[in-house]
Amino acid sequence: MKLVISILVNAAAGNFLCEAEKLSAKGLQTVLDIDVVGTFNVTKAVFTKCFKERKAGVVINISANNTSKGQPLQVHACAAKSAIESLTRSLSVEWLPYNIRLNCIAPGMVIQKV
């Protein structure tokens, strides 16, 4: 049986609050591995196994709304989500001949009165 995936949504997120001066290289690398490397690996696998041959597919990557302005205690998360935005732009150009549509959305906080 052939695997058929039409839409991929990447929502990987490793996050914790930490001052930049106290952030270890291991902590930074862990977030980058979860967010960026995880997103890339899954996207590449789905492209190779499902989208490329059919010349059709949609990828939606989830970012965060704090990447353009920055946010204290979130240097690791902001760096990772910025990388996902760049990954999305680059793959959208590279995979254009395969009719693969990639988008990145950055939902923000929703305040709701209960």
PDB file of N, CA and C in Angstrom:
ATOM      1  N   MET A   1       0.846  -1.183   0.000  1.00  0.00           N
ATOM      2  CA  MET A   1       0.000   0.000   0.000  1.00  0.00           C
ATOM      3  C   MET A   1       0.886   1.239   0.000  1.00  0.00           C
ATOM      4  N   LYS A   2       0.597   2.173  -0.890  1.00  0.00           N
ATOM      5  CA  LYS A   2       1.379   3.391  -1.024  1.00  0.00           C
ATOM      6  C   LYS A   2       0.888   4.461  -0.044  1.00  0.00           C
ATOM      7  N   LEU A   3       1.840   5.089   0.607  1.00  0.00           N
ATOM      8  CA  LEU A   3       1.534   6.161   1.553  1.00  0.00           C
ATOM      9  C   LEU A   3       1.104   7.405   0.785  1.00  0.00           C
ATOM     10  N   VAL A   4      -0.048   7.961   1.141  1.00  0.00           N
ATOM     11  CA  VAL A   4      -0.546   9.177   0.498  1.00  0.00           C
ATOM     12  C   VAL A   4      -0.734  10.247   1.566  1.00  0.00           C
ATOM     13  N   ILE A   5       0.035  11.290   1.429  1.00  0.00           N
ATOM     14  CA  ILE A   5      -0.098  12.461   2.291  1.00  0.00           C
ATOM     15  C   ILE A   5      -0.234  13.660   1.366  1.00  0.00           C
ATOM     16  N   SER A   6      -1.250  14.471   1.577  1.00  0.00           N
ATOM     17  CA  SER A   6      -1.459  15.658   0.754  1.00  0.00           C
ATOM     18  C   SER A   6      -1.009  16.932   1.452  1.00  0.00           C
ATOM     19  N   ILE A   7      -1.169  16.960   2.768  1.00  0.00           N
ATOM     20  CA  ILE A   7      -0.835  18.151   3.552  1.00  0.00           C
ATOM     21  C   ILE A   7      -0.008  17.731   4.759  1.00  0.00           C
ATOM     22  N   LEU A   8       1.079  18.446   4.982  1.00  0.00           N
ATOM     23  CA  LEU A   8       1.925  18.230   6.150  1.00  0.00           C
ATOM     24  C   LEU A   8       1.903  19.493   6.997  1.00  0.00           C
ATOM     25  N   VAL A   9       1.633  19.341   8.281  1.00  0.00           N
ATOM     26  CA  VAL A   9       1.705  20.457   9.218  1.00  0.00           C
ATOM     27  C   VAL A   9       2.815  20.154  10.221  1.00  0.00           C
ATOM     28  N   ASN A  10       3.821  21.010  10.233  1.00  0.00           N
ATOM     29  CA  ASN A  10       4.938  20.883  11.179  1.00  0.00           C
ATOM     30  C   ASN A  10       4.726  21.861  12.319  1.00  0.00           C
ATOM     31  N   ALA A  11       4.605  21.316  13.522  1.00  0.00           N
ATOM     32  CA  ALA A  11       4.365  22.169  14.688  1.00  0.00           C
ATOM     33  C   ALA A  11       5.331  21.851  15.827  1.00  0.00           C
ATOM     34  N   ALA A  12       6.519  21.375  15.486  1.00  0.00           N
ATOM     35  CA  ALA A  12       7.497  21.024  16.521  1.00  0.00           C
ATOM     36  C   ALA A  12       7.887  22.264  17.317  1.00  0.00           C
ATOM     37  N   ALA A  13       7.996  22.098  18.624  1.00  0.00           N
ATOM     38  CA  ALA A  13       8.382  23.237  19.461  1.00  0.00           C
ATOM     39  C   ALA A  13       9.013  22.749  20.757  1.00  0.00           C
ATOM     40  N   GLY A  14      10.270  23.083  20.925  1.00  0.00           N
ATOM     41  CA  GLY A  14      10.938  22.871  22.201  1.00  0.00           C
ATOM     42  C   GLY A  14      11.149  24.247  22.808  1.00  0.00           C
ATOM     43  N   ASN A  15      10.723  24.441  24.024  1.00  0.00           N
ATOM     44  CA  ASN A  15      10.781  25.795  24.572  1.00  0.00           C
ATOM     45  C   ASN A  15      10.837  25.768  26.088  1.00  0.00           C
ATOM     46  N   PHE A  16      11.521  26.738  26.631  1.00  0.00           N
ATOM     47  CA  PHE A  16      11.594  26.977  28.068  1.00  0.00           C
ATOM     48  C   PHE A  16      12.099  28.402  28.239  1.00  0.00           C
ATOM     49  N   LEU A  17      11.839  28.993  29.366  1.00  0.00           N
ATOM     50  CA  LEU A  17      12.319  30.348  29.634  1.00  0.00           C
ATOM     51  C   LEU A  17      13.747  30.280  30.175  1.00  0.00           C
ATOM     52  N   CYS A  18      14.632  31.110  29.608  1.00  0.00           N
ATOM     53  CA  CYS A  18      16.023  31.101  30.062  1.00  0.00           C
ATOM     54  C   CYS A  18      16.719  32.376  29.610  1.00  0.00           C
ATOM     55  N   GLU A  19      17.437  33.014  30.523  1.00  0.00           N
ATOM     56  CA  GLU A  19      18.252  34.162  30.153  1.00  0.00           C
ATOM     57  C   GLU A  19      19.362  33.694  29.215  1.00  0.00           C
ATOM     58  N   ALA A  20      19.683  34.512  28.229  1.00  0.00           N
ATOM     59  CA  ALA A  20      20.692  34.136  27.236  1.00  0.00           C
ATOM     60  C   ALA A  20      22.032  33.801  27.887  1.00  0.00           C
ATOM     61  N   GLU A  21      22.433  34.553  28.889  1.00  0.00           N
ATOM     62  CA  GLU A  21      23.740  34.302  29.514  1.00  0.00           C
ATOM     63  C   GLU A  21      23.771  32.991  30.301  1.00  0.00           C
ATOM     64  N   LYS A  22      22.602  32.467  30.615  1.00  0.00           N
ATOM     65  CA  LYS A  22      22.537  31.197  31.344  1.00  0.00           C
ATOM     66  C   LYS A  22      22.202  30.015  30.430  1.00  0.00           C
ATOM     67  N   LEU A  23      21.927  30.300  29.165  1.00  0.00           N
ATOM     68  CA  LEU A  23      21.570  29.250  28.211  1.00  0.00           C
ATOM     69  C   LEU A  23      22.818  28.471  27.815  1.00  0.00           C
ATOM     70  N   SER A  24      22.782  27.179  28.012  1.00  0.00           N
ATOM     71  CA  SER A  24      23.927  26.344  27.635  1.00  0.00           C
ATOM     72  C   SER A  24      23.875  26.031  26.141  1.00  0.00           C
ATOM     73  N   ALA A  25      25.017  25.667  25.598  1.00  0.00           N
ATOM     74  CA  ALA A  25      25.070  25.253  24.195  1.00  0.00           C
ATOM     75  C   ALA A  25      24.173  24.041  23.976  1.00  0.00           C
ATOM     76  N   LYS A  26      24.121  23.152  24.961  1.00  0.00           N
ATOM     77  CA  LYS A  26      23.277  21.951  24.858  1.00  0.00           C
ATOM     78  C   LYS A  26      21.795  22.332  24.829  1.00  0.00           C
ATOM     79  N   GLY A  27      21.404  23.310  25.645  1.00  0.00           N
ATOM     80  CA  GLY A  27      20.020  23.777  25.651  1.00  0.00           C
ATOM     81  C   GLY A  27      19.626  24.389  24.319  1.00  0.00           C
ATOM     82  N   LEU A  28      20.512  25.215  23.778  1.00  0.00           N
ATOM     83  CA  LEU A  28      20.266  25.824  22.470  1.00  0.00           C
ATOM     84  C   LEU A  28      20.176  24.744  21.398  1.00  0.00           C
ATOM     85  N   GLN A  29      21.130  23.823  21.396  1.00  0.00           N
ATOM     86  CA  GLN A  29      21.158  22.771  20.386  1.00  0.00           C
ATOM     87  C   GLN A  29      19.919  21.882  20.457  1.00  0.00           C
ATOM     88  N   THR A  30      19.455  21.620  21.661  1.00  0.00           N
ATOM     89  CA  THR A  30      18.259  20.788  21.824  1.00  0.00           C
ATOM     90  C   THR A  30      17.052  21.431  21.162  1.00  0.00           C
ATOM     91  N   VAL A  31      16.864  22.727  21.384  1.00  0.00           N
ATOM     92  CA  VAL A  31      15.723  23.428  20.776  1.00  0.00           C
ATOM     93  C   VAL A  31      15.874  23.469  19.260  1.00  0.00           C
ATOM     94  N   LEU A  32      17.080  23.750  18.768  1.00  0.00           N
ATOM     95  CA  LEU A  32      17.305  23.769  17.322  1.00  0.00           C
ATOM     96  C   LEU A  32      17.055  22.387  16.709  1.00  0.00           C
ATOM     97  N   ASP A  33      17.494  21.335  17.403  1.00  0.00           N
ATOM     98  CA  ASP A  33      17.260  19.970  16.902  1.00  0.00           C
ATOM     99  C   ASP A  33      15.774  19.637  16.831  1.00  0.00           C
ATOM    100  N   ILE A  34      15.046  19.970  17.881  1.00  0.00           N
ATOM    101  CA  ILE A  34      13.611  19.677  17.900  1.00  0.00           C
ATOM    102  C   ILE A  34      12.889  20.475  16.817  1.00  0.00           C
ATOM    103  N   ASP A  35      13.094  21.783  16.818  1.00  0.00           N
ATOM    104  CA  ASP A  35      12.330  22.665  15.933  1.00  0.00           C
ATOM    105  C   ASP A  35      12.809  22.598  14.481  1.00  0.00           C
ATOM    106  N   VAL A  36      14.065  22.894  14.258  1.00  0.00           N
ATOM    107  CA  VAL A  36      14.572  23.053  12.895  1.00  0.00           C
ATOM    108  C   VAL A  36      14.900  21.711  12.243  1.00  0.00           C
ATOM    109  N   VAL A  37      15.727  20.922  12.904  1.00  0.00           N
ATOM    110  CA  VAL A  37      16.129  19.647  12.318  1.00  0.00           C
ATOM    111  C   VAL A  37      14.924  18.712  12.199  1.00  0.00           C
ATOM    112  N   GLY A  38      14.070  18.706  13.212  1.00  0.00           N
ATOM    113  CA  GLY A  38      12.860  17.882  13.144  1.00  0.00           C
ATOM    114  C   GLY A  38      11.961  18.288  11.992  1.00  0.00           C
ATOM    115  N   THR A  39      11.745  19.587  11.836  1.00  0.00           N
ATOM    116  CA  THR A  39      10.919  20.093  10.736  1.00  0.00           C
ATOM    117  C   THR A  39      11.522  19.720   9.392  1.00  0.00           C
ATOM    118  N   PHE A  40      12.831  19.905   9.256  1.00  0.00           N
ATOM    119  CA  PHE A  40      13.497  19.567   7.997  1.00  0.00           C
ATOM    120  C   PHE A  40      13.392  18.071   7.692  1.00  0.00           C
ATOM    121  N   ASN A  41      13.693  17.240   8.673  1.00  0.00           N
ATOM    122  CA  ASN A  41      13.684  15.784   8.442  1.00  0.00           C
ATOM    123  C   ASN A  41      12.308  15.274   8.024  1.00  0.00           C
ATOM    124  N   VAL A  42      11.269  15.727   8.709  1.00  0.00           N
ATOM    125  CA  VAL A  42       9.913  15.277   8.368  1.00  0.00           C
ATOM    126  C   VAL A  42       9.494  15.818   6.997  1.00  0.00           C
ATOM    127  N   THR A  43       9.789  17.072   6.737  1.00  0.00           N
ATOM    128  CA  THR A  43       9.424  17.671   5.451  1.00  0.00           C
ATOM    129  C   THR A  43      10.134  16.966   4.299  1.00  0.00           C
ATOM    130  N   LYS A  44      11.411  16.717   4.459  1.00  0.00           N
ATOM    131  CA  LYS A  44      12.181  16.023   3.417  1.00  0.00           C
ATOM    132  C   LYS A  44      11.636  14.615   3.176  1.00  0.00           C
ATOM    133  N   ALA A  45      11.325  13.898   4.243  1.00  0.00           N
ATOM    134  CA  ALA A  45      10.801  12.533   4.100  1.00  0.00           C
ATOM    135  C   ALA A  45       9.459  12.521   3.375  1.00  0.00           C
ATOM    136  N   VAL A  46       8.571  13.437   3.735  1.00  0.00           N
ATOM    137  CA  VAL A  46       7.251  13.484   3.086  1.00  0.00           C
ATOM    138  C   VAL A  46       7.395  13.910   1.627  1.00  0.00           C
ATOM    139  N   PHE A  47       8.272  14.870   1.361  1.00  0.00           N
ATOM    140  CA  PHE A  47       8.524  15.279  -0.031  1.00  0.00           C
ATOM    141  C   PHE A  47       8.989  14.081  -0.854  1.00  0.00           C
ATOM    142  N   THR A  48       9.981  13.376  -0.340  1.00  0.00           N
ATOM    143  CA  THR A  48      10.576  12.253  -1.068  1.00  0.00           C
ATOM    144  C   THR A  48       9.596  11.113  -1.294  1.00  0.00           C
ATOM    145  N   LYS A  49       8.829  10.779  -0.257  1.00  0.00           N
ATOM    146  CA  LYS A  49       7.947   9.601  -0.326  1.00  0.00           C
ATOM    147  C   LYS A  49       6.548   9.888  -0.879  1.00  0.00           C
ATOM    148  N   CYS A  50       6.096  11.135  -0.782  1.00  0.00           N
ATOM    149  CA  CYS A  50       4.695  11.412  -1.134  1.00  0.00           C
ATOM    150  C   CYS A  50       4.489  12.531  -2.153  1.00  0.00           C
ATOM    151  N   PHE A  51       5.261  13.608  -2.066  1.00  0.00           N
ATOM    152  CA  PHE A  51       4.980  14.783  -2.890  1.00  0.00           C
ATOM    153  C   PHE A  51       5.705  14.773  -4.236  1.00  0.00           C
ATOM    154  N   LYS A  52       6.955  14.377  -4.240  1.00  0.00           N
ATOM    155  CA  LYS A  52       7.812  14.543  -5.417  1.00  0.00           C
ATOM    156  C   LYS A  52       7.252  13.857  -6.653  1.00  0.00           C
ATOM    157  N   GLU A  53       6.925  12.588  -6.553  1.00  0.00           N
ATOM    158  CA  GLU A  53       6.439  11.829  -7.700  1.00  0.00           C
ATOM    159  C   GLU A  53       5.089  12.351  -8.198  1.00  0.00           C
ATOM    160  N   ARG A  54       4.224  12.733  -7.268  1.00  0.00           N
ATOM    161  CA  ARG A  54       2.888  13.240  -7.640  1.00  0.00           C
ATOM    162  C   ARG A  54       2.930  14.673  -8.129  1.00  0.00           C
ATOM    163  N   LYS A  55       4.030  15.364  -7.808  1.00  0.00           N
ATOM    164  CA  LYS A  55       4.166  16.796  -8.110  1.00  0.00           C
ATOM    165  C   LYS A  55       3.003  17.584  -7.521  1.00  0.00           C
ATOM    166  N   ALA A  56       2.740  17.310  -6.264  1.00  0.00           N
ATOM    167  CA  ALA A  56       1.676  18.014  -5.551  1.00  0.00           C
ATOM    168  C   ALA A  56       1.878  17.838  -4.054  1.00  0.00           C
ATOM    169  N   GLY A  57       1.561  18.872  -3.300  1.00  0.00           N
ATOM    170  CA  GLY A  57       1.629  18.782  -1.851  1.00  0.00           C
ATOM    171  C   GLY A  57       1.647  20.153  -1.209  1.00  0.00           C
ATOM    172  N   VAL A  58       1.273  20.171   0.052  1.00  0.00           N
ATOM    173  CA  VAL A  58       1.239  21.405   0.827  1.00  0.00           C
ATOM    174  C   VAL A  58       1.947  21.167   2.157  1.00  0.00           C
ATOM    175  N   VAL A  59       2.807  22.110   2.512  1.00  0.00           N
ATOM    176  CA  VAL A  59       3.477  22.074   3.810  1.00  0.00           C
ATOM    177  C   VAL A  59       3.136  23.362   4.538  1.00  0.00           C
ATOM    178  N   ILE A  60       2.675  23.222   5.777  1.00  0.00           N
ATOM    179  CA  ILE A  60       2.411  24.374   6.639  1.00  0.00           C
ATOM    180  C   ILE A  60       3.328  24.243   7.845  1.00  0.00           C
ATOM    181  N   ASN A  61       4.241  25.190   7.973  1.00  0.00           N
ATOM    182  CA  ASN A  61       5.149  25.215   9.115  1.00  0.00           C
ATOM    183  C   ASN A  61       4.670  26.247  10.129  1.00  0.00           C
ATOM    184  N   ILE A  62       4.736  25.880  11.386  1.00  0.00           N
ATOM    185  CA  ILE A  62       4.305  26.779  12.453  1.00  0.00           C
ATOM    186  C   ILE A  62       5.531  27.491  13.023  1.00  0.00           C
ATOM    187  N   SER A  63       5.458  28.798  13.049  1.00  0.00           N
ATOM    188  CA  SER A  63       6.518  29.618  13.635  1.00  0.00           C
ATOM    189  C   SER A  63       5.952  30.286  14.888  1.00  0.00           C
ATOM    190  N   ALA A  64       6.474  31.432  15.224  1.00  0.00           N
ATOM    191  CA  ALA A  64       5.966  32.185  16.381  1.00  0.00           C
ATOM    192  C   ALA A  64       6.031  33.669  16.037  1.00  0.00           C
ATOM    193  N   ASN A  65       5.187  34.443  16.653  1.00  0.00           N
ATOM    194  CA  ASN A  65       5.129  35.862  16.306  1.00  0.00           C
ATOM    195  C   ASN A  65       6.192  36.700  17.009  1.00  0.00           C
ATOM    196  N   ASN A  66       7.126  36.072  17.712  1.00  0.00           N
ATOM    197  CA  ASN A  66       8.156  36.843  18.412  1.00  0.00           C
ATOM    198  C   ASN A  66       9.495  36.845  17.676  1.00  0.00           C
ATOM    199  N   THR A  67       9.547  36.327  16.465  1.00  0.00           N
ATOM    200  CA  THR A  67      10.832  36.211  15.777  1.00  0.00           C
ATOM    201  C   THR A  67      11.339  37.526  15.209  1.00  0.00           C
ATOM    202  N   SER A  68      10.470  38.384  14.740  1.00  0.00           N
ATOM    203  CA  SER A  68      10.934  39.619  14.102  1.00  0.00           C
ATOM    204  C   SER A  68      11.322  40.705  15.104  1.00  0.00           C
ATOM    205  N   LYS A  69      10.702  40.714  16.253  1.00  0.00           N
ATOM    206  CA  LYS A  69      11.012  41.735  17.256  1.00  0.00           C
ATOM    207  C   LYS A  69      11.910  41.220  18.367  1.00  0.00           C
ATOM    208  N   GLY A  70      12.001  39.919  18.495  1.00  0.00           N
ATOM    209  CA  GLY A  70      12.782  39.355  19.589  1.00  0.00           C
ATOM    210  C   GLY A  70      11.985  39.335  20.875  1.00  0.00           C
ATOM    211  N   GLN A  71      12.441  38.536  21.816  1.00  0.00           N
ATOM    212  CA  GLN A  71      11.748  38.436  23.093  1.00  0.00           C
ATOM    213  C   GLN A  71      12.736  37.983  24.155  1.00  0.00           C
ATOM    214  N   PRO A  72      12.735  38.648  25.294  1.00  0.00           N
ATOM    215  CA  PRO A  72      13.637  38.235  26.365  1.00  0.00           C
ATOM    216  C   PRO A  72      13.327  36.809  26.822  1.00  0.00           C
ATOM    217  N   LEU A  73      14.345  36.113  27.235  1.00  0.00           N
ATOM    218  CA  LEU A  73      14.258  34.750  27.759  1.00  0.00           C
ATOM    219  C   LEU A  73      13.909  33.720  26.693  1.00  0.00           C
ATOM    220  N   GLN A  74      13.923  34.130  25.420  1.00  0.00           N
ATOM    221  CA  GLN A  74      13.497  33.253  24.337  1.00  0.00           C
ATOM    222  C   GLN A  74      14.474  33.247  23.160  1.00  0.00           C
ATOM    223  N   VAL A  75      15.743  33.552  23.389  1.00  0.00           N
ATOM    224  CA  VAL A  75      16.694  33.631  22.277  1.00  0.00           C
ATOM    225  C   VAL A  75      16.754  32.312  21.508  1.00  0.00           C
ATOM    226  N   HIS A  76      16.698  31.213  22.201  1.00  0.00           N
ATOM    227  CA  HIS A  76      16.756  29.893  21.573  1.00  0.00           C
ATOM    228  C   HIS A  76      15.526  29.610  20.713  1.00  0.00           C
ATOM    229  N   ALA A  77      14.362  29.910  21.245  1.00  0.00           N
ATOM    230  CA  ALA A  77      13.112  29.675  20.520  1.00  0.00           C
ATOM    231  C   ALA A  77      12.986  30.624  19.328  1.00  0.00           C
ATOM    232  N   CYS A  78      13.358  31.884  19.515  1.00  0.00           N
ATOM    233  CA  CYS A  78      13.296  32.852  18.411  1.00  0.00           C
ATOM    234  C   CYS A  78      14.250  32.459  17.283  1.00  0.00           C
ATOM    235  N   ALA A  79      15.450  32.009  17.637  1.00  0.00           N
ATOM    236  CA  ALA A  79      16.415  31.570  16.617  1.00  0.00           C
ATOM    237  C   ALA A  79      15.870  30.378  15.847  1.00  0.00           C
ATOM    238  N   ALA A  80      15.281  29.427  16.555  1.00  0.00           N
ATOM    239  CA  ALA A  80      14.753  28.224  15.906  1.00  0.00           C
ATOM    240  C   ALA A  80      13.594  28.563  14.972  1.00  0.00           C
ATOM    241  N   LYS A  81      12.684  29.385  15.432  1.00  0.00           N
ATOM    242  CA  LYS A  81      11.521  29.721  14.603  1.00  0.00           C
ATOM    243  C   LYS A  81      11.926  30.586  13.410  1.00  0.00           C
ATOM    244  N   SER A  82      12.928  31.450  13.585  1.00  0.00           N
ATOM    245  CA  SER A  82      13.443  32.215  12.447  1.00  0.00           C
ATOM    246  C   SER A  82      14.041  31.283  11.404  1.00  0.00           C
ATOM    247  N   ALA A  83      14.741  30.266  11.856  1.00  0.00           N
ATOM    248  CA  ALA A  83      15.317  29.283  10.932  1.00  0.00           C
ATOM    249  C   ALA A  83      14.223  28.530  10.174  1.00  0.00           C
ATOM    250  N   ILE A  84      13.136  28.222  10.848  1.00  0.00           N
ATOM    251  CA  ILE A  84      12.015  27.541  10.179  1.00  0.00           C
ATOM    252  C   ILE A  84      11.407  28.447   9.110  1.00  0.00           C
ATOM    253  N   GLU A  85      11.310  29.731   9.383  1.00  0.00           N
ATOM    254  CA  GLU A  85      10.791  30.672   8.386  1.00  0.00           C
ATOM    255  C   GLU A  85      11.698  30.707   7.157  1.00  0.00           C
ATOM    256  N   SER A  86      13.006  30.730   7.370  1.00  0.00           N
ATOM    257  CA  SER A  86      13.964  30.730   6.268  1.00  0.00           C
ATOM    258  C   SER A  86      13.928  29.406   5.503  1.00  0.00           C
ATOM    259  N   LEU A  87      13.831  28.310   6.223  1.00  0.00           N
ATOM    260  CA  LEU A  87      13.712  26.986   5.611  1.00  0.00           C
ATOM    261  C   LEU A  87      12.480  26.943   4.700  1.00  0.00           C
ATOM    262  N   THR A  88      11.391  27.486   5.166  1.00  0.00           N
ATOM    263  CA  THR A  88      10.149  27.510   4.387  1.00  0.00           C
ATOM    264  C   THR A  88      10.340  28.293   3.097  1.00  0.00           C
ATOM    265  N   ARG A  89      10.960  29.470   3.183  1.00  0.00           N
ATOM    266  CA  ARG A  89      11.178  30.293   1.987  1.00  0.00           C
ATOM    267  C   ARG A  89      12.092  29.582   0.987  1.00  0.00           C
ATOM    268  N   SER A  90      13.163  28.999   1.484  1.00  0.00           N
ATOM    269  CA  SER A  90      14.124  28.331   0.597  1.00  0.00           C
ATOM    270  C   SER A  90      13.523  27.111  -0.085  1.00  0.00           C
ATOM    271  N   LEU A  91      12.823  26.274   0.672  1.00  0.00           N
ATOM    272  CA  LEU A  91      12.210  25.087   0.072  1.00  0.00           C
ATOM    273  C   LEU A  91      11.097  25.449  -0.899  1.00  0.00           C
ATOM    274  N   SER A  92      10.389  26.539  -0.633  1.00  0.00           N
ATOM    275  CA  SER A  92       9.309  26.931  -1.545  1.00  0.00           C
ATOM    276  C   SER A  92       9.860  27.294  -2.917  1.00  0.00           C
ATOM    277  N   VAL A  93      11.053  27.869  -2.955  1.00  0.00           N
ATOM    278  CA  VAL A  93      11.686  28.196  -4.232  1.00  0.00           C
ATOM    279  C   VAL A  93      12.255  26.928  -4.877  1.00  0.00           C
ATOM    280  N   GLU A  94      12.954  26.117  -4.079  1.00  0.00           N
ATOM    281  CA  GLU A  94      13.587  24.914  -4.606  1.00  0.00           C
ATOM    282  C   GLU A  94      12.576  23.893  -5.126  1.00  0.00           C
ATOM    283  N   TRP A  95      11.454  23.764  -4.449  1.00  0.00           N
ATOM    284  CA  TRP A  95      10.463  22.759  -4.827  1.00  0.00           C
ATOM    285  C   TRP A  95       9.338  23.308  -5.695  1.00  0.00           C
ATOM    286  N   LEU A  96       9.461  24.531  -6.148  1.00  0.00           N
ATOM    287  CA  LEU A  96       8.470  25.120  -7.048  1.00  0.00           C
ATOM    288  C   LEU A  96       8.232  24.258  -8.292  1.00  0.00           C
ATOM    289  N   PRO A  97       9.274  23.688  -8.921  1.00  0.00           N
ATOM    290  CA  PRO A  97       9.035  22.844 -10.097  1.00  0.00           C
ATOM    291  C   PRO A  97       8.195  21.593  -9.799  1.00  0.00           C
ATOM    292  N   TYR A  98       8.090  21.229  -8.531  1.00  0.00           N
ATOM    293  CA  TYR A  98       7.294  20.057  -8.154  1.00  0.00           C
ATOM    294  C   TYR A  98       5.888  20.435  -7.703  1.00  0.00           C
ATOM    295  N   ASN A  99       5.552  21.717  -7.824  1.00  0.00           N
ATOM    296  CA  ASN A  99       4.225  22.202  -7.450  1.00  0.00           C
ATOM    297  C   ASN A  99       3.926  21.987  -5.961  1.00  0.00           C
ATOM    298  N   ILE A 100       4.965  22.108  -5.146  1.00  0.00           N
ATOM    299  CA  ILE A 100       4.800  21.982  -3.698  1.00  0.00           C
ATOM    300  C   ILE A 100       4.623  23.384  -3.130  1.00  0.00           C
ATOM    301  N   ARG A 101       3.558  23.585  -2.392  1.00  0.00           N
ATOM    302  CA  ARG A 101       3.284  24.888  -1.784  1.00  0.00           C
ATOM    303  C   ARG A 101       3.681  24.835  -0.314  1.00  0.00           C
ATOM    304  N   LEU A 102       4.550  25.732   0.093  1.00  0.00           N
ATOM    305  CA  LEU A 102       4.974  25.817   1.492  1.00  0.00           C
ATOM    306  C   LEU A 102       4.579  27.167   2.058  1.00  0.00           C
ATOM    307  N   ASN A 103       4.009  27.145   3.243  1.00  0.00           N
ATOM    308  CA  ASN A 103       3.643  28.366   3.952  1.00  0.00           C
ATOM    309  C   ASN A 103       4.094  28.249   5.396  1.00  0.00           C
ATOM    310  N   CYS A 104       4.351  29.386   5.982  1.00  0.00           N
ATOM    311  CA  CYS A 104       4.720  29.429   7.393  1.00  0.00           C
ATOM    312  C   CYS A 104       3.770  30.398   8.083  1.00  0.00           C
ATOM    313  N   ILE A 105       3.154  29.949   9.148  1.00  0.00           N
ATOM    314  CA  ILE A 105       2.249  30.823   9.890  1.00  0.00           C
ATOM    315  C   ILE A 105       2.803  31.032  11.290  1.00  0.00           C
ATOM    316  N   ALA A 106       2.498  32.185  11.841  1.00  0.00           N
ATOM    317  CA  ALA A 106       3.012  32.545  13.156  1.00  0.00           C
ATOM    318  C   ALA A 106       1.864  33.013  14.046  1.00  0.00           C
ATOM    319  N   PRO A 107       1.159  32.060  14.630  1.00  0.00           N
ATOM    320  CA  PRO A 107       0.049  32.456  15.503  1.00  0.00           C
ATOM    321  C   PRO A 107       0.562  33.165  16.751  1.00  0.00           C
ATOM    322  N   GLY A 108      -0.205  34.081  17.218  1.00  0.00           N
ATOM    323  CA  GLY A 108       0.167  34.806  18.430  1.00  0.00           C
ATOM    324  C   GLY A 108      -0.747  34.446  19.579  1.00  0.00           C
ATOM    325  N   MET A 109      -0.579  35.170  20.643  1.00  0.00           N
ATOM    326  CA  MET A 109      -1.378  34.924  21.833  1.00  0.00           C
ATOM    327  C   MET A 109      -2.827  35.358  21.574  1.00  0.00           C
ATOM    328  N   VAL A 110      -3.736  34.572  22.057  1.00  0.00           N
ATOM    329  CA  VAL A 110      -5.149  34.888  21.955  1.00  0.00           C
ATOM    330  C   VAL A 110      -5.669  35.091  23.374  1.00  0.00           C
ATOM    331  N   ILE A 111      -6.135  36.286  23.631  1.00  0.00           N
ATOM    332  CA  ILE A 111      -6.685  36.580  24.953  1.00  0.00           C
ATOM    333  C   ILE A 111      -8.198  36.508  24.858  1.00  0.00           C
ATOM    334  N   GLN A 112      -8.769  35.673  25.685  1.00  0.00           N
ATOM    335  CA  GLN A 112     -10.206  35.462  25.658  1.00  0.00           C
ATOM    336  C   GLN A 112     -10.768  35.649  27.053  1.00  0.00           C
ATOM    337  N   LYS A 113     -11.771  36.450  27.157  1.00  0.00           N
ATOM    338  CA  LYS A 113     -12.429  36.662  28.436  1.00  0.00           C
ATOM    339  C   LYS A 113     -13.386  35.497  28.672  1.00  0.00           C
ATOM    340  N   VAL A 114     -13.241  34.862  29.820  1.00  0.00           N
ATOM    341  CA  VAL A 114     -14.075  33.707  30.129  1.00  0.00           C
ATOM    342  C   VAL A 114     -15.124  34.060  31.139  1.00  0.00           C
TER     343      VAL A 114
END
